[in-house]
Amino acid sequence: MKNDKSQKKNKNSGVFEKEMNRRDFLQGTTKTAGLALGFSIFPFGGLQLNGGQTALAAANSNVITISNLDQGTGLFEVNFQGTGWGHGSDSYNNNTGAYFEFEFIGDRFRLLGAKDPRHGIAGISIDGGPEQKSDLYAPKRQPAGVYYESPELEAGKHKVKVIVTGEKNIEASNTFVVLDHIEVDIPEDTSLIQAVQADVQHAGFIQEGVHTPVILRLNQVFSDFVPKSMNIHFDNSILKVTDVTGVQEGLQVQMEEISKNAVAVKFTSKNPLKQQKTVNLAKINVKAQGKVGSTGSITIKDLVVADAVGRETVISELKVSIPITRKAIMSFNIISDIQGDTGDFDTALKQMNIINPNSKALIINGDITNGGGIGEYETVRNIINNNAVPFTIISSIGNHEFYEAKWNNYKTSEEEIFSRFYDFAGVDKPYYSKVVKGIPFIVLGTEKYMGFYQNAPDVKEQFPKWNGGIDQVYMSDKQLDFLRSQLEKYSKQNIPVFVLSHHVLKDTVSGSRQSPYLNDYMQYDEIMSILGDYPNAIFFSGHSHWTLELPDWAVNVKVSGGNKKGFTAINTGAIQTGWMSAGPNGGEVVSPEGGLFNQALQLDVFEDEVVIKGRNFRTNSWMQEYVVKIGK
């Protein structure tokens, strides 16, 4: 959805590296959510400032830039505290007492952000010292520049706190404090700048008898570096390491078996590998050899990495436990509401490549674009082509696909708008069906954009019933008959049937019980009557951008006169900007995550059930899980 309220992000989150374009190569940080099919990460390592074996040298750069979106509590990350923070191309807040803080190693820093008539006075405290003031006011908005530069500090580790004071210049109209980015100076004679940490990423499980990649990653590497060697130990009766390959360009790997449950790995590279905040180092291919329910482990020992001038560091032992699960009939992913947020879309695809390497389909459930422009479709297509996505891509049409016409007073024809979607999706109408690995997908979509018809005599009188809007979905009798015939056909086969439509059905998932989601479907009663007869129907909607953290993100819906088991309705989250209720009287406001919002779904289909899991791509973590039993 999101009409004209779209908020765009202009920066990559800093969590993922965009040049990684293979299914197996992704970086990020996540925590086990305690699910049977979890995505696990196990950080380790420590910081030594005064010499020691867990730090690398700053080789080629004397300045480190920290984006406002490099968020966290570690070194060279920004920790925002207090309510009211908005995040996009910069971060901003006008709530007195809110603050951000960061830690760094260096001898000077600069705070950069725009000056503006609405901006107030920031308070800056270094290492708990007295508060210094910086006025961010300007009579006219100025582009991001330095609004505070620290004095020269003792080279080493420092902590800075920047407070929204609530104070302002007499000419200022508000008290906003903003942050675009931070620059940190590293003195030339400082060699130890950052602890080297490592973690392992994998799908959280290995399906029985299947190979799966495990990625070894270095974190917070602010130096050119050269990996040297490591040993990998594993439970041979449960797991087996079959191969190790280098991820970085020019990195060669030699693997030698030293016992039935251990291999030795040597790295060679002609040139030092370039510094990155996170570095995917090696892909470890692992095969499940044990029974379902058993858990094996992989232990990486004696990982040696050197800086560009040859000083070596030995990274502590890393042990990873990986359970073996039953093999799914099919696994796939559903996203929606890209709406021009191509950075988050790219991030989501790269993360899917790790958490679901065997995905058989990618569903884009509407709002593929922000306005339906030809160039927008091309950009989305290019991002897909630059990632290892499943062969099958299924798309539905959303309201934003029509917004170029809405914005140019309908100079772009309705036929042209639909034609662009058809070209992208490879279809000839907005509703159709596909079967993937024996599982049916039914796609629904509006056959008219009501903005073209709002003044037509036979439509105008109906607009009050439809809430006076132009984004409502119109379905012909032919489409409704198609939906019923498809559900009837597949209900006899005792398999799940996935129904995909961009808009929200009233009184189902989060947000659908208040405006602006009470009149999305002109044929609402007919659609509900059909779905209510088929308990194996699982209906997916996007459009709202409401979080998958809410308790009613996935619900069973019973329809009067329908099957007593009801059908299932699921919110698909959104790639672009989160929204939430403005209160009991309806309406919406931007969620606390705002433009950082990035959520979608993963589904695993088994013979007797479908497991649906929410995924937060911003935090690299699983959210809630919902299980739909498939019965006769």
Foldseek 3Di string as FASTA:
>chain_A
DCPPNFDAADDFLQQWDLLDFELADTGHDEDFPPDPFFKHKDKDFDDDQPDDFFFFFQDDDFKDKQFQSQDDADASHKDWDDPAWDDHLKIKGQDFFTKIKHKFFAFKKFFKAKAALAAAKKWKDKQNHDTDIFASHDDHIDGIDTRDIDDTGDGTMIMMMIGQHNGGDPRHPGHMDMTGMMMHGHDPPRTGTDGKMKMKTFLQAAAAQDKTKIWIKIAQFNAFKAWFWKKKFKDLQFKDFDDKAFDDPQKGKDWADPDSGMIIIGIDGPATHGDGRMGGTMITIMGTNYDAPDKMKMKIAQTWMHGRVGHIHTGHMDMDIHGYHHAFLAKAWEAEACAVRVSLVLLVLNLCSRNPVRHAEYEYQENQYQALDLVSLVSSVVSVVSHPHHPYYAYAYALNLHRVCVVVVNPPPPVNSVVSVCVSRVHDARWDWDATSNAIETEDFARDQCSVVCPPPVCVVCCVVLVVDRRAGEDDPVSLVVVLVVLVVCLVVLFAYEYGHAADQAPAAPPRPAPPNPRRYPPNVSVQQRQQAGASYEYEYEPQLADPQDPRQKDFDHDVPHDPRGYIYHYFHHSAWHWHFPDPNGDIDTDSCGGLFGKGWMWGHHSFKIKIWIATSSNRGIHDIDIRTGDD
